[in-house]
PDB file of N, CA and C in Angstrom:
ATOM      1  N   MET A   1     -28.571  19.709  60.775  1.00  0.00           N
ATOM      2  CA  MET A   1     -28.029  19.061  59.605  1.00  0.00           C
ATOM      3  C   MET A   1     -26.792  18.265  59.995  1.00  0.00           C
ATOM      4  N   SER A   2     -26.633  17.150  59.342  1.00  0.00           N
ATOM      5  CA  SER A   2     -25.454  16.334  59.625  1.00  0.00           C
ATOM      6  C   SER A   2     -24.224  16.977  58.984  1.00  0.00           C
ATOM      7  N   PRO A   3     -23.061  16.668  59.499  1.00  0.00           N
ATOM      8  CA  PRO A   3     -21.843  17.275  58.942  1.00  0.00           C
ATOM      9  C   PRO A   3     -21.618  16.935  57.465  1.00  0.00           C
ATOM     10  N   LEU A   4     -22.017  15.736  57.045  1.00  0.00           N
ATOM     11  CA  LEU A   4     -21.836  15.355  55.646  1.00  0.00           C
ATOM     12  C   LEU A   4     -22.732  16.181  54.721  1.00  0.00           C
ATOM     13  N   VAL A   5     -23.966  16.415  55.138  1.00  0.00           N
ATOM     14  CA  VAL A   5     -24.882  17.235  54.337  1.00  0.00           C
ATOM     15  C   VAL A   5     -24.380  18.676  54.283  1.00  0.00           C
ATOM     16  N   LEU A   6     -23.930  19.191  55.408  1.00  0.00           N
ATOM     17  CA  LEU A   6     -23.406  20.558  55.451  1.00  0.00           C
ATOM     18  C   LEU A   6     -22.175  20.701  54.559  1.00  0.00           C
ATOM     19  N   LEU A   7     -21.303  19.711  54.592  1.00  0.00           N
ATOM     20  CA  LEU A   7     -20.116  19.741  53.741  1.00  0.00           C
ATOM     21  C   LEU A   7     -20.498  19.679  52.263  1.00  0.00           C
ATOM     22  N   SER A   8     -21.486  18.881  51.932  1.00  0.00           N
ATOM     23  CA  SER A   8     -21.946  18.784  50.541  1.00  0.00           C
ATOM     24  C   SER A   8     -22.544  20.100  50.062  1.00  0.00           C
ATOM     25  N   ILE A   9     -23.319  20.747  50.911  1.00  0.00           N
ATOM     26  CA  ILE A   9     -23.919  22.033  50.547  1.00  0.00           C
ATOM     27  C   ILE A   9     -22.838  23.087  50.351  1.00  0.00           C
ATOM     28  N   GLN A  10     -21.850  23.104  51.232  1.00  0.00           N
ATOM     29  CA  GLN A  10     -20.767  24.067  51.098  1.00  0.00           C
ATOM     30  C   GLN A  10     -19.929  23.798  49.853  1.00  0.00           C
ATOM     31  N   ALA A  11     -19.728  22.527  49.522  1.00  0.00           N
ATOM     32  CA  ALA A  11     -18.985  22.187  48.305  1.00  0.00           C
ATOM     33  C   ALA A  11     -19.756  22.628  47.062  1.00  0.00           C
ATOM     34  N   ALA A  12     -21.065  22.423  47.069  1.00  0.00           N
ATOM     35  CA  ALA A  12     -21.884  22.857  45.932  1.00  0.00           C
ATOM     36  C   ALA A  12     -21.826  24.373  45.782  1.00  0.00           C
ATOM     37  N   LEU A  13     -21.871  25.077  46.894  1.00  0.00           N
ATOM     38  CA  LEU A  13     -21.787  26.535  46.859  1.00  0.00           C
ATOM     39  C   LEU A  13     -20.440  26.988  46.298  1.00  0.00           C
ATOM     40  N   LEU A  14     -19.373  26.337  46.712  1.00  0.00           N
ATOM     41  CA  LEU A  14     -18.040  26.673  46.218  1.00  0.00           C
ATOM     42  C   LEU A  14     -17.927  26.415  44.716  1.00  0.00           C
ATOM     43  N   VAL A  15     -18.449  25.292  44.256  1.00  0.00           N
ATOM     44  CA  VAL A  15     -18.397  24.972  42.827  1.00  0.00           C
ATOM     45  C   VAL A  15     -19.169  26.011  42.015  1.00  0.00           C
ATOM     46  N   LEU A  16     -20.348  26.392  42.482  1.00  0.00           N
ATOM     47  CA  LEU A  16     -21.144  27.384  41.755  1.00  0.00           C
ATOM     48  C   LEU A  16     -20.428  28.729  41.680  1.00  0.00           C
ATOM     49  N   VAL A  17     -19.797  29.125  42.772  1.00  0.00           N
ATOM     50  CA  VAL A  17     -19.087  30.407  42.785  1.00  0.00           C
ATOM     51  C   VAL A  17     -17.879  30.356  41.855  1.00  0.00           C
ATOM     52  N   VAL A  18     -17.145  29.243  41.868  1.00  0.00           N
ATOM     53  CA  VAL A  18     -15.963  29.124  41.011  1.00  0.00           C
ATOM     54  C   VAL A  18     -16.358  29.096  39.535  1.00  0.00           C
ATOM     55  N   LEU A  19     -17.485  28.499  39.208  1.00  0.00           N
ATOM     56  CA  LEU A  19     -17.916  28.419  37.813  1.00  0.00           C
ATOM     57  C   LEU A  19     -18.319  29.775  37.233  1.00  0.00           C
ATOM     58  N   ILE A  20     -18.553  30.748  38.080  1.00  0.00           N
ATOM     59  CA  ILE A  20     -18.884  32.085  37.580  1.00  0.00           C
ATOM     60  C   ILE A  20     -17.670  32.732  36.907  1.00  0.00           C
ATOM     61  N   ILE A  21     -16.467  32.381  37.333  1.00  0.00           N
ATOM     62  CA  ILE A  21     -15.251  33.016  36.810  1.00  0.00           C
ATOM     63  C   ILE A  21     -15.086  32.813  35.302  1.00  0.00           C
ATOM     64  N   PRO A  22     -15.136  31.579  34.766  1.00  0.00           N
ATOM     65  CA  PRO A  22     -15.003  31.462  33.306  1.00  0.00           C
ATOM     66  C   PRO A  22     -16.169  32.086  32.538  1.00  0.00           C
ATOM     67  N   CYS A  23     -17.339  32.085  33.145  1.00  0.00           N
ATOM     68  CA  CYS A  23     -18.482  32.726  32.477  1.00  0.00           C
ATOM     69  C   CYS A  23     -18.295  34.237  32.422  1.00  0.00           C
ATOM     70  N   ALA A  24     -17.763  34.810  33.484  1.00  0.00           N
ATOM     71  CA  ALA A  24     -17.498  36.248  33.482  1.00  0.00           C
ATOM     72  C   ALA A  24     -16.423  36.590  32.452  1.00  0.00           C
ATOM     73  N   TYR A  25     -15.442  35.717  32.321  1.00  0.00           N
ATOM     74  CA  TYR A  25     -14.411  35.925  31.296  1.00  0.00           C
ATOM     75  C   TYR A  25     -15.036  35.919  29.904  1.00  0.00           C
ATOM     76  N   ARG A  26     -15.924  34.963  29.648  1.00  0.00           N
ATOM     77  CA  ARG A  26     -16.574  34.879  28.334  1.00  0.00           C
ATOM     78  C   ARG A  26     -17.475  36.090  28.100  1.00  0.00           C
ATOM     79  N   ALA A  27     -18.131  36.564  29.145  1.00  0.00           N
ATOM     80  CA  ALA A  27     -18.988  37.743  28.994  1.00  0.00           C
ATOM     81  C   ALA A  27     -18.150  38.988  28.715  1.00  0.00           C
ATOM     82  N   TRP A  28     -16.963  39.064  29.285  1.00  0.00           N
ATOM     83  CA  TRP A  28     -16.112  40.228  29.112  1.00  0.00           C
ATOM     84  C   TRP A  28     -15.373  40.187  27.774  1.00  0.00           C
ATOM     85  N   ILE A  29     -14.845  39.024  27.398  1.00  0.00           N
ATOM     86  CA  ILE A  29     -13.989  38.903  26.230  1.00  0.00           C
ATOM     87  C   ILE A  29     -14.727  38.363  25.004  1.00  0.00           C
ATOM     88  N   GLY A  30     -15.890  37.766  25.205  1.00  0.00           N
ATOM     89  CA  GLY A  30     -16.622  37.094  24.129  1.00  0.00           C
ATOM     90  C   GLY A  30     -16.532  37.791  22.788  1.00  0.00           C
ATOM     91  N   PRO A  31     -16.178  37.071  21.736  1.00  0.00           N
ATOM     92  CA  PRO A  31     -15.970  37.741  20.453  1.00  0.00           C
ATOM     93  C   PRO A  31     -17.257  38.257  19.805  1.00  0.00           C
ATOM     94  N   THR A  32     -18.381  37.629  20.103  1.00  0.00           N
ATOM     95  CA  THR A  32     -19.631  38.062  19.475  1.00  0.00           C
ATOM     96  C   THR A  32     -20.690  38.315  20.543  1.00  0.00           C
ATOM     97  N   ALA A  33     -21.730  39.009  20.136  1.00  0.00           N
ATOM     98  CA  ALA A  33     -22.825  39.308  21.064  1.00  0.00           C
ATOM     99  C   ALA A  33     -23.553  38.052  21.541  1.00  0.00           C
ATOM    100  N   PRO A  34     -23.794  37.051  20.684  1.00  0.00           N
ATOM    101  CA  PRO A  34     -24.438  35.836  21.200  1.00  0.00           C
ATOM    102  C   PRO A  34     -23.602  35.107  22.258  1.00  0.00           C
ATOM    103  N   ASP A  35     -22.262  35.150  22.117  1.00  0.00           N
ATOM    104  CA  ASP A  35     -21.403  34.554  23.144  1.00  0.00           C
ATOM    105  C   ASP A  35     -21.581  35.265  24.478  1.00  0.00           C
ATOM    106  N   ARG A  36     -21.627  36.574  24.422  1.00  0.00           N
ATOM    107  CA  ARG A  36     -21.811  37.352  25.649  1.00  0.00           C
ATOM    108  C   ARG A  36     -23.185  37.107  26.265  1.00  0.00           C
ATOM    109  N   LEU A  37     -24.198  37.015  25.420  1.00  0.00           N
ATOM    110  CA  LEU A  37     -25.550  36.749  25.913  1.00  0.00           C
ATOM    111  C   LEU A  37     -25.620  35.388  26.594  1.00  0.00           C
ATOM    112  N   GLN A  38     -25.006  34.393  25.994  1.00  0.00           N
ATOM    113  CA  GLN A  38     -25.006  33.061  26.590  1.00  0.00           C
ATOM    114  C   GLN A  38     -24.251  33.063  27.917  1.00  0.00           C
ATOM    115  N   ALA A  39     -23.139  33.778  27.984  1.00  0.00           N
ATOM    116  CA  ALA A  39     -22.375  33.839  29.225  1.00  0.00           C
ATOM    117  C   ALA A  39     -23.165  34.540  30.327  1.00  0.00           C
ATOM    118  N   ILE A  40     -23.842  35.618  29.987  1.00  0.00           N
ATOM    119  CA  ILE A  40     -24.638  36.332  30.988  1.00  0.00           C
ATOM    120  C   ILE A  40     -25.809  35.478  31.453  1.00  0.00           C
ATOM    121  N   ASP A  41     -26.412  34.746  30.535  1.00  0.00           N
ATOM    122  CA  ASP A  41     -27.503  33.847  30.901  1.00  0.00           C
ATOM    123  C   ASP A  41     -27.000  32.728  31.813  1.00  0.00           C
ATOM    124  N   THR A  42     -25.810  32.218  31.536  1.00  0.00           N
ATOM    125  CA  THR A  42     -25.231  31.180  32.392  1.00  0.00           C
ATOM    126  C   THR A  42     -24.881  31.732  33.765  1.00  0.00           C
ATOM    127  N   ILE A  43     -24.371  32.949  33.820  1.00  0.00           N
ATOM    128  CA  ILE A  43     -24.074  33.573  35.113  1.00  0.00           C
ATOM    129  C   ILE A  43     -25.354  33.724  35.930  1.00  0.00           C
ATOM    130  N   THR A  44     -26.421  34.137  35.278  1.00  0.00           N
ATOM    131  CA  THR A  44     -27.697  34.273  35.980  1.00  0.00           C
ATOM    132  C   THR A  44     -28.175  32.929  36.518  1.00  0.00           C
ATOM    133  N   THR A  45     -28.019  31.879  35.727  1.00  0.00           N
ATOM    134  CA  THR A  45     -28.410  30.546  36.182  1.00  0.00           C
ATOM    135  C   THR A  45     -27.564  30.102  37.367  1.00  0.00           C
ATOM    136  N   LEU A  46     -26.268  30.382  37.320  1.00  0.00           N
ATOM    137  CA  LEU A  46     -25.401  30.035  38.448  1.00  0.00           C
ATOM    138  C   LEU A  46     -25.777  30.831  39.697  1.00  0.00           C
ATOM    139  N   LEU A  47     -26.109  32.105  39.523  1.00  0.00           N
ATOM    140  CA  LEU A  47     -26.538  32.909  40.669  1.00  0.00           C
ATOM    141  C   LEU A  47     -27.842  32.384  41.261  1.00  0.00           C
ATOM    142  N   LEU A  48     -28.734  31.914  40.403  1.00  0.00           N
ATOM    143  CA  LEU A  48     -29.967  31.295  40.906  1.00  0.00           C
ATOM    144  C   LEU A  48     -29.645  30.043  41.709  1.00  0.00           C
ATOM    145  N   GLY A  49     -28.700  29.262  41.226  1.00  0.00           N
ATOM    146  CA  GLY A  49     -28.272  28.084  41.980  1.00  0.00           C
ATOM    147  C   GLY A  49     -27.683  28.451  43.327  1.00  0.00           C
ATOM    148  N   ILE A  50     -26.896  29.519  43.365  1.00  0.00           N
ATOM    149  CA  ILE A  50     -26.317  29.980  44.632  1.00  0.00           C
ATOM    150  C   ILE A  50     -27.416  30.410  45.591  1.00  0.00           C
ATOM    151  N   ILE A  51     -28.400  31.130  45.091  1.00  0.00           N
ATOM    152  CA  ILE A  51     -29.504  31.579  45.946  1.00  0.00           C
ATOM    153  C   ILE A  51     -30.275  30.389  46.502  1.00  0.00           C
ATOM    154  N   ILE A  52     -30.526  29.377  45.668  1.00  0.00           N
ATOM    155  CA  ILE A  52     -31.259  28.200  46.133  1.00  0.00           C
ATOM    156  C   ILE A  52     -30.442  27.424  47.158  1.00  0.00           C
ATOM    157  N   VAL A  53     -29.142  27.278  46.931  1.00  0.00           N
ATOM    158  CA  VAL A  53     -28.297  26.578  47.909  1.00  0.00           C
ATOM    159  C   VAL A  53     -28.266  27.346  49.225  1.00  0.00           C
ATOM    160  N   LEU A  54     -28.212  28.669  49.160  1.00  0.00           N
ATOM    161  CA  LEU A  54     -28.267  29.468  50.390  1.00  0.00           C
ATOM    162  C   LEU A  54     -29.613  29.321  51.090  1.00  0.00           C
ATOM    163  N   ALA A  55     -30.686  29.179  50.317  1.00  0.00           N
ATOM    164  CA  ALA A  55     -32.005  28.963  50.917  1.00  0.00           C
ATOM    165  C   ALA A  55     -32.040  27.642  51.673  1.00  0.00           C
ATOM    166  N   VAL A  56     -31.426  26.618  51.104  1.00  0.00           N
ATOM    167  CA  VAL A  56     -31.359  25.327  51.794  1.00  0.00           C
ATOM    168  C   VAL A  56     -30.478  25.436  53.030  1.00  0.00           C
ATOM    169  N   LEU A  57     -29.366  26.134  52.903  1.00  0.00           N
ATOM    170  CA  LEU A  57     -28.428  26.269  54.017  1.00  0.00           C
ATOM    171  C   LEU A  57     -29.038  27.053  55.173  1.00  0.00           C
ATOM    172  N   ARG A  58     -29.758  28.113  54.867  1.00  0.00           N
ATOM    173  CA  ARG A  58     -30.362  28.954  55.906  1.00  0.00           C
ATOM    174  C   ARG A  58     -31.764  28.510  56.302  1.00  0.00           C
ATOM    175  N   ASN A  59     -32.319  27.556  55.550  1.00  0.00           N
ATOM    176  CA  ASN A  59     -33.651  27.014  55.831  1.00  0.00           C
ATOM    177  C   ASN A  59     -34.728  28.106  55.776  1.00  0.00           C
ATOM    178  N   THR A  60     -34.677  28.914  54.715  1.00  0.00           N
ATOM    179  CA  THR A  60     -35.672  29.965  54.515  1.00  0.00           C
ATOM    180  C   THR A  60     -36.339  29.800  53.157  1.00  0.00           C
ATOM    181  N   VAL A  61     -37.590  30.185  53.084  1.00  0.00           N
ATOM    182  CA  VAL A  61     -38.354  30.071  51.843  1.00  0.00           C
ATOM    183  C   VAL A  61     -38.286  31.372  51.048  1.00  0.00           C
ATOM    184  N   MET A  62     -37.983  32.472  51.707  1.00  0.00           N
ATOM    185  CA  MET A  62     -37.987  33.763  51.037  1.00  0.00           C
ATOM    186  C   MET A  62     -36.964  33.814  49.900  1.00  0.00           C
ATOM    187  N   PHE A  63     -35.826  33.165  50.060  1.00  0.00           N
ATOM    188  CA  PHE A  63     -34.819  33.150  49.006  1.00  0.00           C
ATOM    189  C   PHE A  63     -35.342  32.473  47.747  1.00  0.00           C
ATOM    190  N   VAL A  64     -36.195  31.479  47.914  1.00  0.00           N
ATOM    191  CA  VAL A  64     -36.758  30.782  46.755  1.00  0.00           C
ATOM    192  C   VAL A  64     -37.670  31.725  45.972  1.00  0.00           C
ATOM    193  N   ASP A  65     -38.451  32.530  46.668  1.00  0.00           N
ATOM    194  CA  ASP A  65     -39.306  33.510  45.994  1.00  0.00           C
ATOM    195  C   ASP A  65     -38.471  34.522  45.212  1.00  0.00           C
ATOM    196  N   VAL A  66     -37.379  34.961  45.802  1.00  0.00           N
ATOM    197  CA  VAL A  66     -36.483  35.896  45.118  1.00  0.00           C
ATOM    198  C   VAL A  66     -35.885  35.233  43.880  1.00  0.00           C
ATOM    199  N   ALA A  67     -35.501  33.970  44.001  1.00  0.00           N
ATOM    200  CA  ALA A  67     -34.919  33.249  42.864  1.00  0.00           C
ATOM    201  C   ALA A  67     -35.921  33.107  41.723  1.00  0.00           C
ATOM    202  N   ILE A  68     -37.178  32.858  42.045  1.00  0.00           N
ATOM    203  CA  ILE A  68     -38.205  32.739  41.006  1.00  0.00           C
ATOM    204  C   ILE A  68     -38.389  34.072  40.282  1.00  0.00           C
ATOM    205  N   ALA A  69     -38.390  35.169  41.021  1.00  0.00           N
ATOM    206  CA  ALA A  69     -38.532  36.489  40.396  1.00  0.00           C
ATOM    207  C   ALA A  69     -37.331  36.804  39.503  1.00  0.00           C
ATOM    208  N   ILE A  70     -36.139  36.505  39.974  1.00  0.00           N
ATOM    209  CA  ILE A  70     -34.938  36.750  39.170  1.00  0.00           C
ATOM    210  C   ILE A  70     -34.956  35.892  37.908  1.00  0.00           C
ATOM    211  N   ALA A  71     -35.404  34.646  38.029  1.00  0.00           N
ATOM    212  CA  ALA A  71     -35.479  33.763  36.860  1.00  0.00           C
ATOM    213  C   ALA A  71     -36.457  34.309  35.824  1.00  0.00           C
ATOM    214  N   ALA A  72     -37.571  34.844  36.273  1.00  0.00           N
ATOM    215  CA  ALA A  72     -38.550  35.406  35.337  1.00  0.00           C
ATOM    216  C   ALA A  72     -37.976  36.616  34.607  1.00  0.00           C
ATOM    217  N   PHE A  73     -37.333  37.514  35.346  1.00  0.00           N
ATOM    218  CA  PHE A  73     -36.735  38.689  34.710  1.00  0.00           C
ATOM    219  C   PHE A  73     -35.590  38.294  33.780  1.00  0.00           C
ATOM    220  N   SER A  74     -34.832  37.296  34.166  1.00  0.00           N
ATOM    221  CA  SER A  74     -33.738  36.818  33.323  1.00  0.00           C
ATOM    222  C   SER A  74     -34.267  36.246  32.015  1.00  0.00           C
ATOM    223  N   PHE A  75     -35.346  35.492  32.090  1.00  0.00           N
ATOM    224  CA  PHE A  75     -35.938  34.919  30.883  1.00  0.00           C
ATOM    225  C   PHE A  75     -36.416  36.015  29.938  1.00  0.00           C
ATOM    226  N   ILE A  76     -37.103  37.002  30.476  1.00  0.00           N
ATOM    227  CA  ILE A  76     -37.600  38.103  29.646  1.00  0.00           C
ATOM    228  C   ILE A  76     -36.434  38.882  29.034  1.00  0.00           C
ATOM    229  N   GLY A  77     -35.399  39.127  29.824  1.00  0.00           N
ATOM    230  CA  GLY A  77     -34.227  39.838  29.310  1.00  0.00           C
ATOM    231  C   GLY A  77     -33.494  39.063  28.234  1.00  0.00           C
ATOM    232  N   THR A  78     -33.385  37.758  28.414  1.00  0.00           N
ATOM    233  CA  THR A  78     -32.718  36.926  27.412  1.00  0.00           C
ATOM    234  C   THR A  78     -33.486  36.928  26.101  1.00  0.00           C
ATOM    235  N   ILE A  79     -34.798  36.808  26.186  1.00  0.00           N
ATOM    236  CA  ILE A  79     -35.617  36.834  24.971  1.00  0.00           C
ATOM    237  C   ILE A  79     -35.486  38.185  24.266  1.00  0.00           C
ATOM    238  N   ALA A  80     -35.529  39.273  25.018  1.00  0.00           N
ATOM    239  CA  ALA A  80     -35.424  40.605  24.416  1.00  0.00           C
ATOM    240  C   ALA A  80     -34.056  40.813  23.764  1.00  0.00           C
ATOM    241  N   LEU A  81     -32.987  40.412  24.445  1.00  0.00           N
ATOM    242  CA  LEU A  81     -31.654  40.589  23.868  1.00  0.00           C
ATOM    243  C   LEU A  81     -31.428  39.692  22.659  1.00  0.00           C
ATOM    244  N   ALA A  82     -31.946  38.473  22.708  1.00  0.00           N
ATOM    245  CA  ALA A  82     -31.801  37.576  21.559  1.00  0.00           C
ATOM    246  C   ALA A  82     -32.538  38.132  20.346  1.00  0.00           C
ATOM    247  N   ARG A  83     -33.698  38.688  20.584  1.00  0.00           N
ATOM    248  CA  ARG A  83     -34.447  39.278  19.468  1.00  0.00           C
ATOM    249  C   ARG A  83     -33.740  40.522  18.942  1.00  0.00           C
ATOM    250  N   TYR A  84     -33.162  41.299  19.846  1.00  0.00           N
ATOM    251  CA  TYR A  84     -32.423  42.485  19.413  1.00  0.00           C
ATOM    252  C   TYR A  84     -31.203  42.086  18.581  1.00  0.00           C
ATOM    253  N   ILE A  85     -30.518  41.029  18.998  1.00  0.00           N
ATOM    254  CA  ILE A  85     -29.342  40.577  18.252  1.00  0.00           C
ATOM    255  C   ILE A  85     -29.738  40.058  16.875  1.00  0.00           C
ATOM    256  N   SER A  86     -30.827  39.311  16.817  1.00  0.00           N
ATOM    257  CA  SER A  86     -31.192  38.690  15.541  1.00  0.00           C
ATOM    258  C   SER A  86     -31.901  39.648  14.580  1.00  0.00           C
ATOM    259  N   GLU A  87     -32.764  40.505  15.100  1.00  0.00           N
ATOM    260  CA  GLU A  87     -33.572  41.356  14.225  1.00  0.00           C
ATOM    261  C   GLU A  87     -33.247  42.838  14.315  1.00  0.00           C
ATOM    262  N   GLY A  88     -32.497  43.240  15.303  1.00  0.00           N
ATOM    263  CA  GLY A  88     -32.162  44.643  15.444  1.00  0.00           C
ATOM    264  C   GLY A  88     -33.204  45.456  16.186  1.00  0.00           C
ATOM    265  N   ARG A  89     -34.233  44.792  16.712  1.00  0.00           N
ATOM    266  CA  ARG A  89     -35.256  45.493  17.495  1.00  0.00           C
ATOM    267  C   ARG A  89     -35.650  44.601  18.664  1.00  0.00           C
ATOM    268  N   ALA A  90     -36.054  45.227  19.749  1.00  0.00           N
ATOM    269  CA  ALA A  90     -36.367  44.455  20.949  1.00  0.00           C
ATOM    270  C   ALA A  90     -37.818  43.999  20.974  1.00  0.00           C
ATOM    271  N   PHE A  91     -38.747  44.868  20.550  1.00  0.00           N
ATOM    272  CA  PHE A  91     -40.168  44.498  20.637  1.00  0.00           C
ATOM    273  C   PHE A  91     -40.873  44.743  19.338  1.00  0.00           C
TER     274      PHE A  91
END
């Protein structure tokens, strides 16, 4: 990899890691349950981005498979929690 591409990948990784901090604050302090759910969903999306950037950096495909599995579980969890918040029951 060229130094410019490597620097860009490292900068993207740094930005994704730094963006987790305000989301964690919102998840911890969030005044309502939907705020916390949105923050946790955003943290999961940022973690998926970190995993994909690491997959590009390490040139491995296995990280992409892990990211797809995490995304599927995150989607199911978000739907279940949103339904629990709105209706009081998960299923």
